[in-house]
Amino acid sequence: MTFEIKLPLFEGPFDLLLFFIERDELDIHDIPIARITDEFLDYLKKLEAINIDLASEFILVAASLMRIKAKMLLPRPELDAQGNEIDPREELIRHLIEYKKYKSVIGELAALEEARSQQEVRGNVLQELKQIAEKSDVDPELQDLDLYKLLKVYQRVMQRYEIAGKRPVHTVVQYPYTIAGQKDRLIIWLTDDLRLYFGEIVQREPTKIAVIFNFLAILELVQMGQATLGIGEGFNNFWIEKISREEGVPVES
């Protein structure tokens, strides 16, 4: 002889609690917590007996019910900052009321969804014309073209053209200078003159970018030991001299 146990399925723990409350016609604002907790735990035990895995939210609500039940058994009630007694069931009641409100709305939305699924989509004249035009190999945008639309398009194009003409233009200039190239040029000049004042170098190549590259080339020549600096009096009064590779001293004229 075989037997079968059938239990109602609930979508969540609050669904189960609402079932108990509505079944026994209990006041949701004054829940008999001991009775509800016992019924909730008894339902969970039946689920375990038939090897149904319990979701974590059911276990969490069961623990919360037992905690509320324990608080209500304490002889000293918990008080808030104003000295009023705090009902341990308050948070649970608030969650149940919110869940009941959402559950009723879900039912209405499901009915609306069912009614909408039974309706036929109404035809769209413009969409149908475009489909006909595509089948006939006609550009649908040209079907309702008139002079006003052409003028509007022309106006927008001219506005974009004017905006584009006012945008700043950045030109990248490739200068014919490198530090290595200026070093070689300075070595050639030093071979002829032996000593070069910085002012003379500026006069030979007076552009701003050339002065910068020449100054960097001078620093690198000094760092590499190929030239030495001499400092005179006044502003920017210094010169460079070539250093002999054999003796490591400046070449004298």
Foldseek 3Di string as FASTA:
>chain_A
DDDDDDDDDAPAQLRVLVCVCVVVVHDLVDDPLVVSLVVLVVVVVVCVVVPHDDDPRSVVVSVLSVVLVVQVPDPDFDADPVRDGDRSCVVVSVVSVVVVVVVVVVVVVVVVVVVVVPDDDDDDVLVVQCVVCVVVVHHSVVPPDDPVVVVVVVVVVVVVVVVVVPDDDDDDDDDPDDLVVLLVVVVVVCVVVQKDQLVVQCVVPVDPVSSVSNVVNVVVCVVVLQKDKDDDDDDSGIMIGGADPVPSHGDDD
